[in-house]
Amino acid sequence: MVLKDSFLQAYKTVASNKLRTGITVAIIAFGIMALIGIITAIDAMNSSLKDNFATMGANGFTISYKERIRFGNNNDNATKETRGKKKKKSNLDKPIILSEAERFKKDYDFPAIVSIALNGRWSYEVHYGDKKTNPNVRVNGGDENYLQVNGYSIDVGRNFTPADVQSGRNVCLLGSDVANKLFGENPVRAVGKTIRIGTAPFLVLGVLKPKGSSALMRADNVILTTYNSIRKLGNNADSYTIGIAANSIQQVDAAIGYATALFRGIRHLTPTEDENFVAEKSDKLAQTFIGLLSSIVGASGLIGLITLISAAIALMNIMLVAVNERTREIGLIKAIGGKKKNIRQQFLFESIIISVSGAICGIILGVMVGNIFALVLDTGFVVPWGWIITGIVICAIFGLLAGLWPAIKASKLNPIVALRYE
């Protein structure tokens, strides 16, 4: 009996036991489906995060009153020297005020672009005539440099001028989603029109080019106005944010160091005090989320591994039952000259065929389930090839291990005893 014959015989045996094979394949498939599905969804989220959170580019960073989202004890930016320093209570929990932001913008002479921003609300309803948007439009305030620092550009119309910023008059720039909702597909129609943000009238100066939106961050469902105007509408933030875009990626660390030193002086911090502000790179938030998603990948991998171990135990039990059921068959094979290795090969092939079949079914289902999430995020079809190959290899190994003991047991049967088995 050659290797090919052993494989074909194993395949016929697996195919003839449809119920038993189907149950075992389903157990393995569900474990792999959960693993591949979660990983596919996380890959889609990673892609969306990288595209949407790093809005300023790799050469940008912000100075803010505190981190937008805090994880852990928030001591990541503290050095061993500064952690033990005395903190003056009068300088703690002190928001960045406009005069500090404007002084920084004026005095920061590093080769970079500086912008001042004030975050507005995320739930405005915008009207033009009888048309209106959903009440989920985000309105933010900035200055004449806000677009360049945050990766926006003008499609039609013009940007803010310093006079627009200082006067605080009600002017705005529309994101492409808002412009399409109110004025249709021709953005030129929006320029010069007056819209209502809530109840306040605003003159439209221009329309922004699309940046691309997702379920995580709708970068085009936005209206930009000046930071002096945003205070009339109401702002979520009590503190101004300073955005800086260095001229090159290589200069970012130096730009952060210079900005930190300058702003410490503006905030009247003594050498023994920690910073009461945070300088963070534009992609830090994305990396934080991606790090959290990586831990989810590890957890899902552990769950998948536990499921596969359970499936391997079930497969081993099924193969042991198969040995008992086919005792006479094994005795007949040995009686006509079959060798121990031929019997071992047949049972090992059966175990591997079942486990790999479960892996393939689970991978197909997992990729389909995971890409439902990718469709929601609008990231395109995602196929985690590395994990797919890993899943198949792991299932083949588990199948081999699960079938090893039953195969050895079958190969050691005494042919005379086996032929007498009822």
Protein backbone atom coordinates (compact mmCIF):
# COMPACT_ATOMS: atom_id res chain seq x y z
CA MET A 1 0.00 0.00 0.00
CA VAL A 2 1.69 3.23 -1.17
CA LEU A 3 1.24 6.70 0.35
CA LYS A 4 -1.30 7.69 -2.32
CA ASP A 5 -3.42 4.65 -1.58
CA SER A 6 -3.40 5.46 2.12
CA PHE A 7 -4.54 9.00 1.43
CA LEU A 8 -7.33 7.94 -0.96
CA GLN A 9 -8.56 5.33 1.48
CA ALA A 10 -8.55 7.89 4.28
CA TYR A 11 -10.51 10.35 2.12
CA LYS A 12 -13.13 7.71 1.26
CA THR A 13 -13.52 6.81 4.92
CA VAL A 14 -13.96 10.46 5.93
CA ALA A 15 -16.48 11.06 3.13
CA SER A 16 -18.52 7.98 4.06
CA ASN A 17 -18.99 9.14 7.70
CA LYS A 18 -20.76 12.40 6.89
CA LEU A 19 -22.42 13.07 10.25
CA ARG A 20 -19.35 12.37 12.36
CA THR A 21 -17.08 14.30 10.00
CA GLY A 22 -19.53 17.22 9.77
CA ILE A 23 -19.77 17.65 13.54
CA THR A 24 -15.99 17.60 13.99
CA VAL A 25 -15.41 19.95 11.05
CA ALA A 26 -18.03 22.35 12.48
CA ILE A 27 -16.30 22.44 15.89
CA ILE A 28 -12.96 23.30 14.28
CA ALA A 29 -14.56 25.73 11.82
CA PHE A 30 -16.25 27.79 14.53
CA GLY A 31 -12.98 28.18 16.44
CA ILE A 32 -11.10 29.31 13.33
CA MET A 33 -14.01 31.51 12.22
CA ALA A 34 -13.95 33.39 15.53
CA LEU A 35 -10.18 33.89 15.32
CA ILE A 36 -10.00 34.93 11.64
CA GLY A 37 -13.18 37.02 11.90
CA ILE A 38 -11.86 39.04 14.83
CA ILE A 39 -8.45 39.51 13.24
CA THR A 40 -9.98 40.57 9.90
CA ALA A 41 -12.15 43.13 11.70
CA ILE A 42 -9.14 44.40 13.68
CA ASP A 43 -7.08 44.73 10.48
CA ALA A 44 -9.89 46.85 9.06
CA MET A 45 -9.93 48.99 12.20
CA ASN A 46 -6.14 49.40 12.10
CA SER A 47 -6.33 50.60 8.52
CA SER A 48 -9.10 53.03 9.37
CA LEU A 49 -7.25 54.34 12.42
CA LYS A 50 -4.05 54.95 10.50
CA ASP A 51 -5.94 56.79 7.77
CA ASN A 52 -8.13 58.91 10.03
CA PHE A 53 -6.34 59.69 13.31
CA ALA A 54 -3.01 60.79 11.87
CA THR A 55 -4.68 63.81 10.31
CA MET A 56 -1.67 66.12 10.57
CA GLY A 57 0.81 63.76 9.00
CA ALA A 58 4.00 62.29 10.40
CA ASN A 59 5.60 65.74 10.80
CA GLY A 60 2.87 67.16 13.07
CA PHE A 61 2.30 67.39 16.82
CA THR A 62 -0.02 69.20 19.20
CA ILE A 63 0.31 71.01 22.49
CA SER A 64 -2.79 70.58 24.60
CA TYR A 65 -3.91 71.10 28.17
CA LYS A 66 -4.08 67.35 28.69
CA GLU A 67 -4.20 64.21 26.57
CA ARG A 68 -7.48 63.83 24.74
CA ILE A 69 -7.83 60.23 25.98
CA ARG A 70 -5.91 58.89 28.95
CA PHE A 71 -4.95 55.26 29.52
CA GLY A 72 -3.25 53.96 32.64
CA ASN A 73 -1.62 56.39 35.04
CA ASN A 74 -0.58 58.80 32.27
CA ASN A 75 3.06 58.87 33.37
CA ASP A 76 4.44 57.82 29.98
CA ASN A 77 5.89 61.27 29.28
CA ALA A 78 7.50 61.67 32.70
CA THR A 79 11.17 60.95 33.14
CA LYS A 80 12.76 59.52 36.25
CA GLU A 81 14.06 62.98 37.09
CA THR A 82 10.73 64.83 36.73
CA ARG A 83 8.52 62.27 38.51
CA GLY A 84 9.93 63.22 41.87
CA LYS A 85 9.83 66.98 41.34
CA LYS A 86 7.66 69.23 43.43
CA LYS A 87 4.51 70.49 41.73
CA LYS A 88 3.18 73.96 42.47
CA LYS A 89 -0.58 73.68 42.99
CA SER A 90 -1.32 77.04 41.37
CA ASN A 91 0.01 75.76 38.05
CA LEU A 92 -1.82 72.42 38.05
CA ASP A 93 -5.04 71.90 36.05
CA LYS A 94 -4.55 75.16 34.22
CA PRO A 95 -6.16 75.27 30.75
CA ILE A 96 -4.31 76.87 27.86
CA ILE A 97 -5.82 80.33 27.42
CA LEU A 98 -5.92 82.33 24.19
CA SER A 99 -3.22 84.81 25.21
CA GLU A 100 -0.78 81.93 25.89
CA ALA A 101 -1.56 80.28 22.56
CA GLU A 102 -1.19 83.55 20.65
CA ARG A 103 2.10 84.36 22.38
CA PHE A 104 3.44 80.89 21.52
CA LYS A 105 2.42 81.36 17.87
CA LYS A 106 4.18 84.71 17.79
CA ASP A 107 7.40 83.62 19.54
CA TYR A 108 7.86 80.13 18.06
CA ASP A 109 10.57 80.77 15.46
CA PHE A 110 11.41 77.13 14.69
CA PRO A 111 10.98 76.25 10.94
CA ALA A 112 7.37 75.08 11.28
CA ILE A 113 3.75 76.19 10.86
CA VAL A 114 1.72 76.96 13.99
CA SER A 115 -2.05 76.91 14.29
CA ILE A 116 -4.41 77.70 17.18
CA ALA A 117 -7.61 75.67 17.51
CA LEU A 118 -10.60 75.35 19.81
CA ASN A 119 -12.71 72.22 19.58
CA GLY A 120 -16.41 72.72 19.09
CA ARG A 121 -19.35 70.39 19.48
CA TRP A 122 -20.03 67.21 17.50
CA SER A 123 -23.80 67.41 17.24
CA TYR A 124 -24.93 70.39 15.21
CA GLU A 125 -27.77 70.44 12.71
CA VAL A 126 -27.00 72.72 9.76
CA HIS A 127 -29.68 74.38 7.61
CA TYR A 128 -29.79 76.06 4.21
CA GLY A 129 -33.25 77.01 3.00
CA ASP A 130 -35.45 73.94 3.36
CA LYS A 131 -32.50 71.54 3.45
CA LYS A 132 -30.80 70.33 6.59
CA THR A 133 -28.16 67.84 7.71
CA ASN A 134 -28.39 65.18 10.36
CA PRO A 135 -27.65 66.52 13.86
CA ASN A 136 -24.16 65.02 13.85
CA VAL A 137 -22.06 67.69 12.14
CA ARG A 138 -18.82 68.52 13.96
CA VAL A 139 -17.88 72.22 14.15
CA ASN A 140 -14.32 73.22 15.08
CA GLY A 141 -12.57 76.55 15.35
CA GLY A 142 -9.14 77.41 13.98
CA ASP A 143 -7.06 80.11 12.35
CA GLU A 144 -5.59 80.80 8.93
CA ASN A 145 -3.04 77.96 9.38
CA TYR A 146 -5.52 75.34 10.60
CA LEU A 147 -6.06 73.74 7.19
CA GLN A 148 -2.38 73.29 6.41
CA VAL A 149 -1.50 71.91 9.85
CA ASN A 150 -4.43 69.47 9.91
CA GLY A 151 -4.16 68.15 6.37
CA TYR A 152 -7.15 69.94 4.81
CA SER A 153 -7.12 71.88 1.56
CA ILE A 154 -9.54 74.17 -0.24
CA ASP A 155 -11.57 72.78 -3.15
CA VAL A 156 -13.39 76.01 -4.07
CA GLY A 157 -13.48 79.43 -2.41
CA ARG A 158 -10.87 80.80 -0.04
CA ASN A 159 -9.31 80.16 3.35
CA PHE A 160 -9.65 82.29 6.47
CA THR A 161 -7.57 85.45 6.68
CA PRO A 162 -6.02 86.86 9.89
CA ALA A 163 -8.72 89.57 9.74
CA ASP A 164 -11.46 86.89 9.72
CA VAL A 165 -9.88 85.29 12.78
CA GLN A 166 -9.38 88.47 14.78
CA SER A 167 -12.79 89.98 13.98
CA GLY A 168 -14.63 86.80 14.96
CA ARG A 169 -17.22 87.34 12.26
CA ASN A 170 -19.39 84.40 11.35
CA VAL A 171 -17.60 82.79 8.40
CA CYS A 172 -17.02 79.10 7.77
CA LEU A 173 -15.62 76.40 5.51
CA LEU A 174 -17.75 73.35 4.69
CA GLY A 175 -16.57 69.76 4.62
CA SER A 176 -17.47 67.97 1.40
CA ASP A 177 -20.18 65.82 3.04
CA VAL A 178 -21.96 68.87 4.45
CA ALA A 179 -21.66 70.75 1.15
CA ASN A 180 -23.09 67.80 -0.81
CA LYS A 181 -26.00 67.50 1.60
CA LEU A 182 -26.96 71.16 1.40
CA PHE A 183 -25.89 72.18 -2.13
CA GLY A 184 -25.62 68.98 -4.16
CA GLU A 185 -22.61 67.72 -6.07
CA ASN A 186 -21.46 71.17 -7.29
CA PRO A 187 -19.43 72.76 -4.45
CA VAL A 188 -19.23 76.12 -6.24
CA ARG A 189 -22.89 76.70 -5.40
CA ALA A 190 -22.03 76.83 -1.69
CA VAL A 191 -19.56 79.74 -1.84
CA GLY A 192 -21.08 83.03 -0.75
CA LYS A 193 -24.24 81.46 0.65
CA THR A 194 -25.43 81.91 4.22
CA ILE A 195 -26.21 78.81 6.25
CA ARG A 196 -27.46 78.37 9.79
CA ILE A 197 -25.45 76.38 12.30
CA GLY A 198 -28.04 75.80 14.98
CA THR A 199 -29.67 79.22 14.97
CA ALA A 200 -26.59 81.31 14.07
CA PRO A 201 -26.07 82.52 10.45
CA PHE A 202 -22.65 81.85 8.86
CA LEU A 203 -21.24 82.97 5.51
CA VAL A 204 -19.64 80.16 3.51
CA LEU A 205 -16.16 81.15 2.32
CA GLY A 206 -15.26 77.85 0.69
CA VAL A 207 -15.59 74.07 0.50
CA LEU A 208 -12.87 71.63 1.57
CA LYS A 209 -11.51 68.80 -0.56
CA PRO A 210 -12.62 65.34 0.62
CA LYS A 211 -10.29 63.63 3.10
CA GLY A 212 -12.21 60.37 3.29
CA SER A 213 -14.52 59.27 6.07
CA SER A 214 -15.14 56.15 8.08
CA ALA A 215 -17.28 54.97 10.94
CA LEU A 216 -14.45 55.94 13.30
CA MET A 217 -13.91 59.54 12.17
CA ARG A 218 -16.02 61.41 9.64
CA ALA A 219 -13.40 63.90 8.53
CA ASP A 220 -15.66 65.39 5.81
CA ASN A 221 -18.77 65.76 7.97
CA VAL A 222 -17.32 68.90 9.47
CA ILE A 223 -17.58 72.69 9.41
CA LEU A 224 -14.59 74.86 10.24
CA THR A 225 -14.88 78.37 11.57
CA THR A 226 -12.49 80.66 13.47
CA TYR A 227 -11.66 80.03 17.11
CA ASN A 228 -13.19 83.39 18.02
CA SER A 229 -16.44 82.41 16.32
CA ILE A 230 -16.65 78.96 17.88
CA ARG A 231 -17.06 80.51 21.32
CA LYS A 232 -20.35 82.07 20.20
CA LEU A 233 -21.68 78.66 19.15
CA GLY A 234 -20.39 76.89 22.23
CA ASN A 235 -17.27 74.80 22.55
CA ASN A 236 -16.63 71.41 24.14
CA ALA A 237 -13.07 72.25 25.15
CA ASP A 238 -12.17 74.65 27.95
CA SER A 239 -8.63 74.91 26.61
CA TYR A 240 -7.08 75.93 23.32
CA THR A 241 -4.96 73.49 21.35
CA ILE A 242 -1.80 74.43 19.48
CA GLY A 243 -0.96 72.47 16.35
CA ILE A 244 2.54 72.49 14.90
CA ALA A 245 3.71 71.04 11.58
CA ALA A 246 7.49 70.86 11.24
CA ASN A 247 9.06 71.29 7.80
CA SER A 248 10.30 67.69 7.79
CA ILE A 249 9.88 64.45 9.72
CA GLN A 250 13.52 64.57 10.83
CA GLN A 251 12.88 67.87 12.64
CA VAL A 252 9.86 66.73 14.69
CA ASP A 253 11.73 65.71 17.85
CA ALA A 254 13.75 68.92 17.84
CA ALA A 255 10.58 70.93 17.19
CA ILE A 256 8.86 69.25 20.16
CA GLY A 257 11.83 69.95 22.44
CA TYR A 258 11.98 73.62 21.42
CA ALA A 259 8.19 74.01 21.73
CA THR A 260 8.18 72.43 25.20
CA ALA A 261 10.94 74.73 26.44
CA LEU A 262 9.22 77.81 25.00
CA PHE A 263 5.80 76.94 26.37
CA ARG A 264 7.18 76.20 29.84
CA GLY A 265 8.32 79.82 29.93
CA ILE A 266 4.96 81.07 28.69
CA ARG A 267 3.20 78.99 31.38
CA HIS A 268 5.62 80.36 34.04
CA LEU A 269 6.85 76.93 35.10
CA THR A 270 9.96 76.75 37.24
CA PRO A 271 12.74 74.22 36.46
CA THR A 272 11.53 72.00 39.34
CA GLU A 273 7.96 71.69 38.04
CA ASP A 274 6.49 69.16 35.62
CA GLU A 275 4.73 70.31 32.46
CA ASN A 276 1.02 71.05 32.95
CA PHE A 277 0.50 70.51 29.22
CA VAL A 278 1.10 67.64 26.81
CA ALA A 279 3.12 67.71 23.58
CA GLU A 280 2.17 64.65 21.55
CA LYS A 281 2.77 63.55 17.98
CA SER A 282 -0.22 63.46 15.67
CA ASP A 283 -0.18 59.68 15.34
CA LYS A 284 0.08 58.95 19.07
CA LEU A 285 -3.66 58.46 19.53
CA ALA A 286 -3.78 56.09 16.59
CA GLN A 287 -0.84 54.12 17.98
CA THR A 288 -2.54 53.93 21.38
CA PHE A 289 -5.67 52.46 19.85
CA ILE A 290 -3.64 50.13 17.65
CA GLY A 291 -1.80 48.93 20.74
CA LEU A 292 -5.13 48.18 22.41
CA LEU A 293 -6.29 46.34 19.31
CA SER A 294 -3.11 44.27 19.39
CA SER A 295 -4.03 43.08 22.87
CA ILE A 296 -7.42 42.08 21.50
CA VAL A 297 -5.64 40.07 18.80
CA GLY A 298 -3.72 38.25 21.54
CA ALA A 299 -6.90 37.56 23.48
CA SER A 300 -8.72 36.32 20.39
CA GLY A 301 -5.74 34.11 19.55
CA LEU A 302 -5.91 32.58 23.03
CA ILE A 303 -9.64 31.95 22.63
CA GLY A 304 -9.05 30.37 19.24
CA LEU A 305 -6.26 28.19 20.68
CA ILE A 306 -8.52 26.96 23.51
CA THR A 307 -11.24 26.18 20.96
CA LEU A 308 -8.77 24.26 18.79
CA ILE A 309 -7.53 22.26 21.79
CA SER A 310 -11.13 21.32 22.58
CA ALA A 311 -11.66 20.37 18.94
CA ALA A 312 -8.45 18.30 18.96
CA ILE A 313 -9.65 16.37 22.03
CA ALA A 314 -13.00 15.75 20.34
CA LEU A 315 -11.20 14.65 17.16
CA MET A 316 -8.99 12.27 19.13
CA ASN A 317 -12.03 10.69 20.78
CA ILE A 318 -13.73 10.28 17.41
CA MET A 319 -10.63 8.66 15.93
CA LEU A 320 -10.41 6.28 18.91
CA VAL A 321 -14.04 5.32 18.34
CA ALA A 322 -13.21 4.78 14.67
CA VAL A 323 -10.39 2.43 15.65
CA ASN A 324 -12.80 0.32 17.71
CA GLU A 325 -15.40 0.31 14.95
CA ARG A 326 -12.88 -0.76 12.31
CA THR A 327 -11.00 -3.37 14.31
CA ARG A 328 -11.96 -6.20 11.93
CA GLU A 329 -10.99 -4.02 8.94
CA ILE A 330 -7.58 -3.37 10.49
CA GLY A 331 -7.12 -7.10 11.15
CA LEU A 332 -7.98 -7.89 7.53
CA ILE A 333 -5.46 -5.33 6.23
CA LYS A 334 -2.75 -6.85 8.40
CA ALA A 335 -3.74 -10.40 7.35
CA ILE A 336 -3.23 -9.61 3.66
CA GLY A 337 0.16 -8.02 4.24
CA GLY A 338 -0.59 -4.47 5.37
CA LYS A 339 2.17 -2.95 7.48
CA LYS A 340 1.93 -0.93 10.68
CA LYS A 341 3.07 2.26 8.93
CA ASN A 342 0.29 1.91 6.33
CA ILE A 343 -2.37 1.76 9.05
CA ARG A 344 -0.79 4.69 10.90
CA GLN A 345 -0.70 6.71 7.69
CA GLN A 346 -4.37 6.06 6.96
CA PHE A 347 -5.58 7.18 10.40
CA LEU A 348 -3.25 10.20 10.43
CA PHE A 349 -4.49 11.23 6.98
CA GLU A 350 -8.10 10.96 8.17
CA SER A 351 -7.38 13.18 11.17
CA ILE A 352 -5.51 15.78 9.08
CA ILE A 353 -8.20 15.84 6.36
CA ILE A 354 -10.90 16.54 8.97
CA SER A 355 -8.91 19.26 10.75
CA VAL A 356 -7.78 21.05 7.57
CA SER A 357 -11.34 20.88 6.17
CA GLY A 358 -12.53 22.57 9.36
CA ALA A 359 -9.80 25.18 9.01
CA ILE A 360 -10.74 26.01 5.40
CA CYS A 361 -14.45 26.32 6.24
CA GLY A 362 -13.65 28.46 9.28
CA ILE A 363 -11.31 30.73 7.32
CA ILE A 364 -13.90 31.37 4.61
CA LEU A 365 -16.59 32.15 7.19
CA GLY A 366 -14.18 34.26 9.28
CA VAL A 367 -13.08 36.41 6.34
CA MET A 368 -16.72 36.95 5.34
CA VAL A 369 -17.78 37.91 8.89
CA GLY A 370 -14.74 40.16 9.40
CA ASN A 371 -15.30 41.99 6.13
CA ILE A 372 -18.82 42.92 7.16
CA PHE A 373 -17.04 45.18 9.65
CA ALA A 374 -14.65 46.34 6.91
CA LEU A 375 -17.62 47.37 4.76
CA VAL A 376 -18.98 49.46 7.63
CA LEU A 377 -15.60 51.17 8.01
CA ASP A 378 -15.25 51.57 4.23
CA THR A 379 -11.70 50.19 4.23
CA GLY A 380 -12.06 47.77 1.33
CA PHE A 381 -11.85 43.98 1.36
CA VAL A 382 -9.37 42.70 3.96
CA VAL A 383 -7.69 39.28 3.82
CA PRO A 384 -5.25 38.49 6.67
CA TRP A 385 -3.06 36.12 4.66
CA GLY A 386 -0.53 35.62 7.41
CA TRP A 387 -3.14 34.46 9.88
CA ILE A 388 -4.87 32.32 7.23
CA ILE A 389 -1.67 30.40 6.52
CA THR A 390 -0.97 30.17 10.26
CA GLY A 391 -4.47 28.84 10.90
CA ILE A 392 -4.13 26.10 8.29
CA VAL A 393 -0.70 25.05 9.60
CA ILE A 394 -1.91 25.01 13.22
CA CYS A 395 -4.98 22.96 12.32
CA ALA A 396 -2.83 20.47 10.38
CA ILE A 397 -0.52 20.13 13.40
CA PHE A 398 -3.46 19.70 15.78
CA GLY A 399 -4.96 17.13 13.42
CA LEU A 400 -1.68 15.25 13.31
CA LEU A 401 -1.36 15.26 17.09
CA ALA A 402 -5.00 14.31 17.63
CA GLY A 403 -4.70 11.35 15.28
CA LEU A 404 -1.31 10.18 16.50
CA TRP A 405 -2.43 8.07 19.48
CA PRO A 406 -5.39 6.45 17.66
CA ALA A 407 -3.08 5.67 14.70
CA ILE A 408 -0.47 4.06 16.95
CA LYS A 409 -3.18 2.09 18.76
CA ALA A 410 -4.61 0.86 15.47
CA SER A 411 -1.20 -0.16 14.11
CA LYS A 412 -0.46 -2.27 17.21
CA LEU A 413 -3.61 -4.40 17.01
CA ASN A 414 -2.99 -8.14 16.80
CA PRO A 415 -4.43 -9.31 13.43
CA ILE A 416 -5.78 -12.61 14.87
CA VAL A 417 -7.53 -10.83 17.75
CA ALA A 418 -8.78 -8.13 15.38
CA LEU A 419 -10.34 -10.65 12.97
CA ARG A 420 -12.23 -12.28 15.81
CA TYR A 421 -13.52 -8.88 17.07
CA GLU A 422 -17.34 -8.58 16.94
